[in-house]
Amino acid sequence: MKKSVLIVLFLFVFLGANRSIGQVGIGTSSPKAFFNVARSQTVLFGEDTSQVGSANKLIWYASQGAFRAGYVDNDAWSRSSASDNTNIGRYSFGSGYNSRASGSYSTALGNNSYAGGNASTAMGSQTNASGGASTAMGYKTRASGAFSTALGTYVSTNQQQGSFILGDFNINSTATNNDAANQMMMRFAGGYKLFTNFEATLGVSLSSGGNAWQTLSDSTRKENFRSVDGAGFLEKIAQLKLGSWNYKGQDAKQYRHYGPMAQDCFAAFGHDTLGNIGEDKSINQADFDGVNLIAIQALIRKVEKLEAQNKILREENAALKSDTQARLDKIEAALQGQPISQTLTLKP
């Protein structure tokens, strides 16, 4: 590399024949810049443009508008002719250690990164972006589907077009793969937290090893508590239009659902003494759970009241049965002391 720099300095100082007002030209007698190499000429800072005698180098392939800089010890930056695009993609950029940008308009940066798809980008260490317009970043990520993106470590879009996958540091070194086109998949063993305010106090979370979203519901983060009429909730629920349905445009045989309408829920439960709860185009699952719990609590109280009333009725019924039985016993005892013929002719 030092030798290359000295050569360049020599050209600047001593090539006066191609110098115009302090400008130096190589292959041109009328340089347009301080250092001007003629059009379509490959520029090399280093030992060679092949893997032979490989080392640190910088190469400008003018015929392909491609640039390479860094270290290479294989044929990633080599070509057999000016038109050979096997390793050098047109208008591509490659930098780092053994990075390969063979796709047209591709970019490969880092350690052994490979951008093989047209307009693809590979960055990091041992990343692979072979799909067209794909992006792979991180460590051992693979974006093999067209228009797909793989970020993190040990994740692959698995040739699924338009898919997107994110992965945490995987100590098991096993890849997680997309299994459908246009799919978003994420792997985070430590869980997820999504906040909806700048203070990071509101939102949802999914715990490590969990299988359902949790609403952040810490009592210390709440205010303006108000009680509600549970019995009134039961009456409103009884009036809701419930049934099955599907979203417009979806296959009615495959995508059916049960439930209420957002407008009905908002009309019934969308207001308390202070303000609005939710809106009329969607149903907040946390609020829906709250409505259900309030209704369940009201049902419990109603059942408890009915059970208390039922207990009193059972006790009264038992007392009546006991009294009736006692009366019958007395009547039977009285009748047993009379002749049968008399008992048969008794009249009220």
Protein backbone atom coordinates (compact mmCIF):
# COMPACT_ATOMS: atom_id res chain seq x y z
CA MET A 1 0.00 0.00 0.00
CA LYS A 2 2.88 2.42 0.81
CA LYS A 3 4.33 1.70 -2.61
CA SER A 4 1.00 2.59 -4.24
CA VAL A 5 0.80 5.87 -2.37
CA LEU A 6 4.33 6.81 -3.46
CA ILE A 7 3.43 6.08 -7.06
CA VAL A 8 0.40 8.35 -6.84
CA LEU A 9 2.52 11.14 -5.32
CA PHE A 10 5.02 10.69 -8.12
CA LEU A 11 2.24 11.10 -10.65
CA PHE A 12 1.04 14.29 -8.99
CA VAL A 13 4.50 15.86 -8.90
CA PHE A 14 6.19 14.74 -12.06
CA LEU A 15 3.52 14.21 -14.72
CA GLY A 16 3.71 17.82 -15.82
CA ALA A 17 2.82 16.95 -19.40
CA ASN A 18 -0.71 16.10 -18.30
CA ARG A 19 -1.00 18.87 -15.74
CA SER A 20 -3.07 22.01 -16.28
CA ILE A 21 -3.06 24.72 -13.60
CA GLY A 22 -2.10 22.29 -10.83
CA GLN A 23 -4.31 19.48 -12.19
CA VAL A 24 -3.09 15.99 -13.00
CA GLY A 25 -4.58 13.75 -15.65
CA ILE A 26 -3.87 10.11 -16.45
CA GLY A 27 -4.92 9.08 -19.93
CA THR A 28 -6.15 12.59 -20.69
CA SER A 29 -4.44 15.81 -21.69
CA SER A 30 -7.17 18.02 -20.29
CA PRO A 31 -7.87 16.98 -16.68
CA LYS A 32 -11.11 18.28 -15.22
CA ALA A 33 -10.08 17.89 -11.57
CA PHE A 34 -7.00 17.92 -9.36
CA PHE A 35 -6.59 14.20 -10.17
CA ASN A 36 -8.40 12.99 -13.29
CA VAL A 37 -8.24 9.41 -14.63
CA ALA A 38 -9.51 8.92 -18.15
CA ARG A 39 -12.96 7.54 -18.68
CA SER A 40 -13.45 3.74 -18.56
CA GLN A 41 -10.09 3.15 -16.89
CA THR A 42 -9.76 0.87 -13.87
CA VAL A 43 -7.99 2.48 -10.93
CA LEU A 44 -6.07 0.30 -8.48
CA PHE A 45 -4.45 1.10 -5.18
CA GLY A 46 -2.85 -2.19 -4.25
CA GLU A 47 -1.09 -5.17 -5.74
CA ASP A 48 -3.58 -6.53 -8.26
CA THR A 49 -7.24 -6.88 -9.24
CA SER A 50 -7.36 -10.63 -8.65
CA GLN A 51 -6.95 -12.94 -5.68
CA VAL A 52 -3.29 -13.51 -6.55
CA GLY A 53 -1.07 -11.75 -4.05
CA SER A 54 -4.13 -10.54 -2.21
CA ALA A 55 -3.90 -7.86 0.43
CA ASN A 56 -5.43 -4.51 1.32
CA LYS A 57 -6.51 -2.69 -1.82
CA LEU A 58 -8.83 -0.15 -3.39
CA ILE A 59 -10.28 -0.64 -6.87
CA TRP A 60 -12.45 1.52 -9.08
CA TYR A 61 -13.97 -0.43 -11.98
CA ALA A 62 -14.97 2.41 -14.28
CA SER A 63 -16.64 0.22 -16.91
CA GLN A 64 -19.09 -1.05 -14.31
CA GLY A 65 -19.23 1.99 -12.06
CA ALA A 66 -18.20 -0.29 -9.19
CA PHE A 67 -16.02 0.42 -6.17
CA ARG A 68 -14.12 -1.89 -3.83
CA ALA A 69 -12.03 -1.10 -0.75
CA GLY A 70 -10.61 -3.23 2.04
CA TYR A 71 -9.08 -6.71 2.16
CA VAL A 72 -9.77 -9.72 -0.04
CA ASP A 73 -8.12 -13.13 -0.30
CA ASN A 74 -10.48 -14.77 -2.80
CA ASP A 75 -11.98 -13.93 -6.20
CA ALA A 76 -14.76 -11.71 -4.79
CA TRP A 77 -13.24 -8.62 -6.41
CA SER A 78 -11.94 -10.31 -9.58
CA ARG A 79 -13.26 -10.34 -13.11
CA SER A 80 -12.18 -12.02 -16.32
CA SER A 81 -13.00 -9.05 -18.55
CA ALA A 82 -14.34 -5.52 -18.46
CA SER A 83 -17.84 -6.88 -19.04
CA ASP A 84 -17.67 -9.71 -16.49
CA ASN A 85 -20.36 -9.14 -13.83
CA THR A 86 -19.98 -12.49 -12.07
CA ASN A 87 -18.34 -10.97 -8.99
CA ILE A 88 -18.52 -7.27 -9.72
CA GLY A 89 -22.09 -6.09 -10.05
CA ARG A 90 -22.78 -2.99 -12.11
CA TYR A 91 -22.83 0.16 -9.99
CA SER A 92 -22.08 -1.90 -6.89
CA PHE A 93 -20.16 -1.03 -3.73
CA GLY A 94 -18.13 -3.40 -1.59
CA SER A 95 -15.99 -2.64 1.42
CA GLY A 96 -14.50 -4.49 4.36
CA TYR A 97 -13.11 -8.01 4.58
CA ASN A 98 -13.92 -10.37 1.70
CA SER A 99 -17.21 -8.60 1.04
CA ARG A 100 -18.87 -9.53 -2.26
CA ALA A 101 -21.35 -7.35 -4.15
CA SER A 102 -22.20 -9.28 -7.31
CA GLY A 103 -25.72 -7.95 -7.81
CA SER A 104 -26.29 -4.84 -9.88
CA TYR A 105 -26.71 -1.75 -7.68
CA SER A 106 -25.81 -3.86 -4.64
CA THR A 107 -23.91 -2.93 -1.47
CA ALA A 108 -21.82 -5.26 0.71
CA LEU A 109 -20.11 -3.99 3.86
CA GLY A 110 -18.31 -5.69 6.73
CA ASN A 111 -16.89 -9.19 7.15
CA ASN A 112 -17.67 -11.77 4.45
CA SER A 113 -20.93 -10.04 3.59
CA TYR A 114 -22.59 -11.07 0.34
CA ALA A 115 -25.01 -8.96 -1.70
CA GLY A 116 -26.00 -11.15 -4.63
CA GLY A 117 -29.44 -9.84 -5.44
CA ASN A 118 -29.93 -6.81 -7.65
CA ALA A 119 -30.34 -3.68 -5.50
CA SER A 120 -29.58 -5.75 -2.40
CA THR A 121 -27.73 -4.68 0.76
CA ALA A 122 -25.65 -6.84 3.10
CA MET A 123 -24.01 -5.36 6.20
CA GLY A 124 -22.32 -6.87 9.24
CA SER A 125 -20.61 -10.24 9.51
CA GLN A 126 -21.40 -13.23 7.27
CA THR A 127 -24.66 -11.70 6.12
CA ASN A 128 -26.28 -12.79 2.87
CA ALA A 129 -28.72 -10.78 0.74
CA SER A 130 -29.42 -12.95 -2.30
CA GLY A 131 -32.98 -11.83 -2.97
CA GLY A 132 -33.69 -8.94 -5.29
CA ALA A 133 -33.98 -5.63 -3.38
CA SER A 134 -33.34 -7.55 -0.16
CA THR A 135 -31.54 -6.41 3.00
CA ALA A 136 -29.51 -8.49 5.46
CA MET A 137 -27.88 -6.88 8.50
CA GLY A 138 -26.24 -8.21 11.63
CA TYR A 139 -24.59 -11.61 12.10
CA LYS A 140 -25.36 -14.62 9.91
CA THR A 141 -28.62 -13.19 8.66
CA ARG A 142 -30.02 -14.29 5.31
CA ALA A 143 -32.44 -12.36 3.12
CA SER A 144 -33.11 -14.85 0.34
CA GLY A 145 -36.62 -13.73 -0.59
CA ALA A 146 -37.15 -10.90 -3.05
CA PHE A 147 -37.93 -7.60 -1.29
CA SER A 148 -37.29 -9.27 2.09
CA THR A 149 -35.39 -8.02 5.15
CA ALA A 150 -33.45 -9.95 7.80
CA LEU A 151 -32.00 -8.14 10.82
CA GLY A 152 -30.23 -9.34 13.97
CA THR A 153 -28.57 -12.75 14.34
CA TYR A 154 -29.38 -16.19 12.95
CA VAL A 155 -32.55 -15.26 11.09
CA SER A 156 -33.59 -15.99 7.51
CA THR A 157 -36.43 -14.89 5.27
CA ASN A 158 -36.32 -18.42 3.85
CA GLN A 159 -36.97 -17.37 0.23
CA GLN A 160 -40.29 -15.85 1.27
CA GLN A 161 -41.03 -12.79 -0.86
CA GLY A 162 -41.70 -9.55 1.00
CA SER A 163 -41.10 -11.11 4.41
CA PHE A 164 -39.44 -9.33 7.34
CA ILE A 165 -37.66 -11.00 10.25
CA LEU A 166 -35.90 -9.70 13.37
CA GLY A 167 -33.84 -11.76 15.77
CA ASP A 168 -32.05 -11.31 19.08
CA PHE A 169 -28.71 -12.86 20.01
CA ASN A 170 -29.34 -16.60 19.77
CA ILE A 171 -26.96 -18.57 22.00
CA ASN A 172 -28.10 -21.81 20.35
CA SER A 173 -26.86 -20.66 16.92
CA THR A 174 -29.98 -22.01 15.26
CA ALA A 175 -31.74 -19.97 12.61
CA THR A 176 -35.33 -18.77 12.80
CA ASN A 177 -37.08 -18.73 9.42
CA ASN A 178 -40.06 -17.00 7.88
CA ASP A 179 -42.67 -19.52 6.78
CA ALA A 180 -44.95 -17.35 4.63
CA ALA A 181 -44.63 -14.56 2.09
CA ASN A 182 -45.22 -10.96 3.22
CA GLN A 183 -44.88 -12.07 6.83
CA MET A 184 -43.34 -10.26 9.79
CA MET A 185 -41.63 -12.51 12.33
CA MET A 186 -39.63 -11.57 15.42
CA ARG A 187 -37.65 -13.59 17.97
CA PHE A 188 -36.81 -11.94 21.29
CA ALA A 189 -36.24 -14.38 24.17
CA GLY A 190 -36.30 -11.52 26.67
CA GLY A 191 -39.84 -10.51 25.70
CA TYR A 192 -41.35 -7.41 24.11
CA LYS A 193 -42.43 -3.98 25.32
CA LEU A 194 -44.28 -1.47 23.16
CA PHE A 195 -44.81 2.00 24.60
CA THR A 196 -47.27 4.59 23.33
CA ASN A 197 -46.01 7.69 25.14
CA PHE A 198 -42.68 9.50 25.51
CA GLU A 199 -42.39 8.65 29.20
CA ALA A 200 -42.55 4.89 28.41
CA THR A 201 -45.27 4.34 31.00
CA LEU A 202 -48.15 3.28 28.72
CA GLY A 203 -48.33 0.37 26.33
CA VAL A 204 -48.27 -3.41 26.19
CA SER A 205 -45.73 -6.12 26.94
CA LEU A 206 -45.12 -9.78 26.17
CA SER A 207 -43.07 -11.49 28.85
CA SER A 208 -40.20 -13.87 28.17
CA GLY A 209 -41.75 -17.25 27.44
CA GLY A 210 -45.23 -15.70 27.33
CA ASN A 211 -47.94 -16.31 24.74
CA ALA A 212 -50.26 -13.32 25.19
CA TRP A 213 -49.95 -9.54 25.29
CA GLN A 214 -50.17 -7.91 28.69
CA THR A 215 -51.59 -4.42 29.19
CA LEU A 216 -49.52 -2.23 31.48
CA SER A 217 -51.96 -1.88 34.39
CA ASP A 218 -49.96 -0.74 37.42
CA SER A 219 -52.30 0.99 39.91
CA THR A 220 -49.63 3.59 40.69
CA ARG A 221 -49.92 4.82 37.09
CA LYS A 222 -53.69 5.36 37.23
CA GLU A 223 -55.92 8.17 38.53
CA ASN A 224 -59.52 9.46 38.52
CA PHE A 225 -61.07 6.21 39.75
CA ARG A 226 -64.85 5.96 39.45
CA SER A 227 -67.26 3.18 40.42
CA VAL A 228 -69.75 1.80 37.90
CA ASP A 229 -73.26 0.36 37.92
CA GLY A 230 -72.73 -3.34 37.29
CA ALA A 231 -76.44 -4.07 37.01
CA GLY A 232 -76.70 -1.40 34.34
CA PHE A 233 -73.86 -3.07 32.45
CA LEU A 234 -75.81 -6.34 32.44
CA GLU A 235 -78.83 -4.61 30.95
CA LYS A 236 -76.69 -3.00 28.24
CA ILE A 237 -74.97 -6.29 27.41
CA ALA A 238 -78.40 -7.92 27.06
CA GLN A 239 -79.27 -5.36 24.40
CA LEU A 240 -76.07 -5.74 22.32
CA LYS A 241 -76.37 -7.20 18.85
CA LEU A 242 -74.18 -10.29 18.98
CA GLY A 243 -73.52 -12.80 16.25
CA SER A 244 -71.05 -13.99 13.63
CA TRP A 245 -69.62 -11.96 10.75
CA ASN A 246 -66.59 -11.45 8.50
CA TYR A 247 -64.67 -8.39 7.33
CA LYS A 248 -65.54 -7.05 3.89
CA GLY A 249 -63.35 -8.46 1.16
CA GLN A 250 -62.41 -11.61 3.08
CA ASP A 251 -63.46 -15.15 2.24
CA ALA A 252 -66.64 -15.76 4.26
CA LYS A 253 -65.94 -19.49 4.39
CA GLN A 254 -62.50 -19.07 5.95
CA TYR A 255 -62.45 -15.83 7.96
CA ARG A 256 -65.51 -15.71 10.21
CA HIS A 257 -65.69 -14.13 13.68
CA TYR A 258 -67.98 -13.82 16.71
CA GLY A 259 -68.59 -10.62 18.59
CA PRO A 260 -70.26 -7.22 18.87
CA MET A 261 -70.00 -4.07 16.77
CA ALA A 262 -67.72 -1.24 17.88
CA GLN A 263 -70.50 1.32 17.43
CA ASP A 264 -72.82 -0.60 19.77
CA CYS A 265 -70.11 -1.03 22.39
CA PHE A 266 -69.19 2.64 22.27
CA ALA A 267 -72.84 3.69 22.56
CA ALA A 268 -73.27 1.42 25.58
CA PHE A 269 -69.96 1.84 27.40
CA GLY A 270 -68.10 4.70 25.70
CA HIS A 271 -68.82 7.37 28.30
CA ASP A 272 -68.45 7.74 32.05
CA THR A 273 -68.85 10.78 34.31
CA LEU A 274 -65.50 12.24 33.20
CA GLY A 275 -65.07 11.56 29.50
CA ASN A 276 -64.91 9.09 26.63
CA ILE A 277 -63.76 5.49 26.77
CA GLY A 278 -62.55 4.15 23.41
CA GLU A 279 -64.07 5.14 20.08
CA ASP A 280 -66.73 3.90 17.70
CA LYS A 281 -64.59 2.18 15.07
CA SER A 282 -62.63 -0.27 17.23
CA ILE A 283 -62.79 -2.18 20.51
CA ASN A 284 -59.96 -1.92 23.03
CA GLN A 285 -59.39 -5.41 24.40
CA ALA A 286 -58.37 -4.12 27.83
CA ASP A 287 -61.60 -2.08 28.10
CA PHE A 288 -63.58 -5.04 26.79
CA ASP A 289 -62.06 -7.21 29.52
CA GLY A 290 -62.99 -4.53 32.04
CA VAL A 291 -66.61 -4.54 30.85
CA ASN A 292 -66.69 -8.33 31.14
CA LEU A 293 -65.26 -8.29 34.68
CA ILE A 294 -67.75 -5.63 35.79
CA ALA A 295 -70.58 -7.71 34.32
CA ILE A 296 -69.25 -10.89 35.94
CA GLN A 297 -69.03 -9.13 39.29
CA ALA A 298 -72.61 -7.92 38.90
CA LEU A 299 -73.70 -11.47 38.05
CA ILE A 300 -71.91 -12.79 41.13
CA ARG A 301 -73.75 -10.31 43.34
CA LYS A 302 -77.03 -11.15 41.64
CA VAL A 303 -76.43 -14.86 42.09
CA GLU A 304 -75.46 -14.35 45.74
CA LYS A 305 -78.70 -12.41 46.31
CA LEU A 306 -80.74 -15.10 44.59
CA GLU A 307 -78.97 -17.80 46.60
CA ALA A 308 -79.80 -15.96 49.83
CA GLN A 309 -83.44 -15.66 48.78
CA ASN A 310 -83.46 -19.29 47.74
CA LYS A 311 -82.08 -20.30 51.13
CA ILE A 312 -84.89 -18.47 52.89
CA LEU A 313 -87.45 -20.11 50.61
CA ARG A 314 -85.93 -23.54 51.22
CA GLU A 315 -86.04 -23.00 54.95
CA GLU A 316 -89.66 -21.80 54.78
CA ASN A 317 -90.57 -24.74 52.58
CA ALA A 318 -88.88 -27.14 54.98
CA ALA A 319 -90.83 -25.61 57.89
CA LEU A 320 -94.10 -25.92 55.96
CA LYS A 321 -93.35 -29.53 55.09
CA SER A 322 -92.54 -30.29 58.71
CA ASP A 323 -95.75 -28.63 59.94
CA THR A 324 -97.82 -30.37 57.26
CA GLN A 325 -96.31 -33.73 58.15
CA ALA A 326 -97.06 -33.17 61.82
CA ARG A 327 -100.68 -32.38 61.00
CA LEU A 328 -100.94 -35.48 58.81
CA ASP A 329 -99.49 -37.61 61.58
CA LYS A 330 -102.11 -36.33 64.01
CA ILE A 331 -104.92 -36.97 61.53
CA GLU A 332 -103.68 -40.51 60.87
CA ALA A 333 -103.41 -41.19 64.58
CA ALA A 334 -106.95 -39.93 65.15
CA LEU A 335 -108.30 -41.98 62.29
CA GLN A 336 -106.65 -45.18 63.48
CA GLY A 337 -108.84 -45.17 66.62
CA GLN A 338 -112.16 -45.31 64.63
CA PRO A 339 -113.90 -48.22 62.77
CA ILE A 340 -113.16 -48.47 59.08
CA SER A 341 -116.83 -48.08 58.15
CA GLN A 342 -117.01 -44.83 60.03
CA THR A 343 -113.91 -43.48 58.47
CA LEU A 344 -115.37 -44.20 55.05
CA THR A 345 -118.60 -42.35 55.78
CA LEU A 346 -117.10 -39.30 57.33
CA LYS A 347 -118.29 -36.14 55.70
CA PRO A 348 -117.01 -32.64 56.17
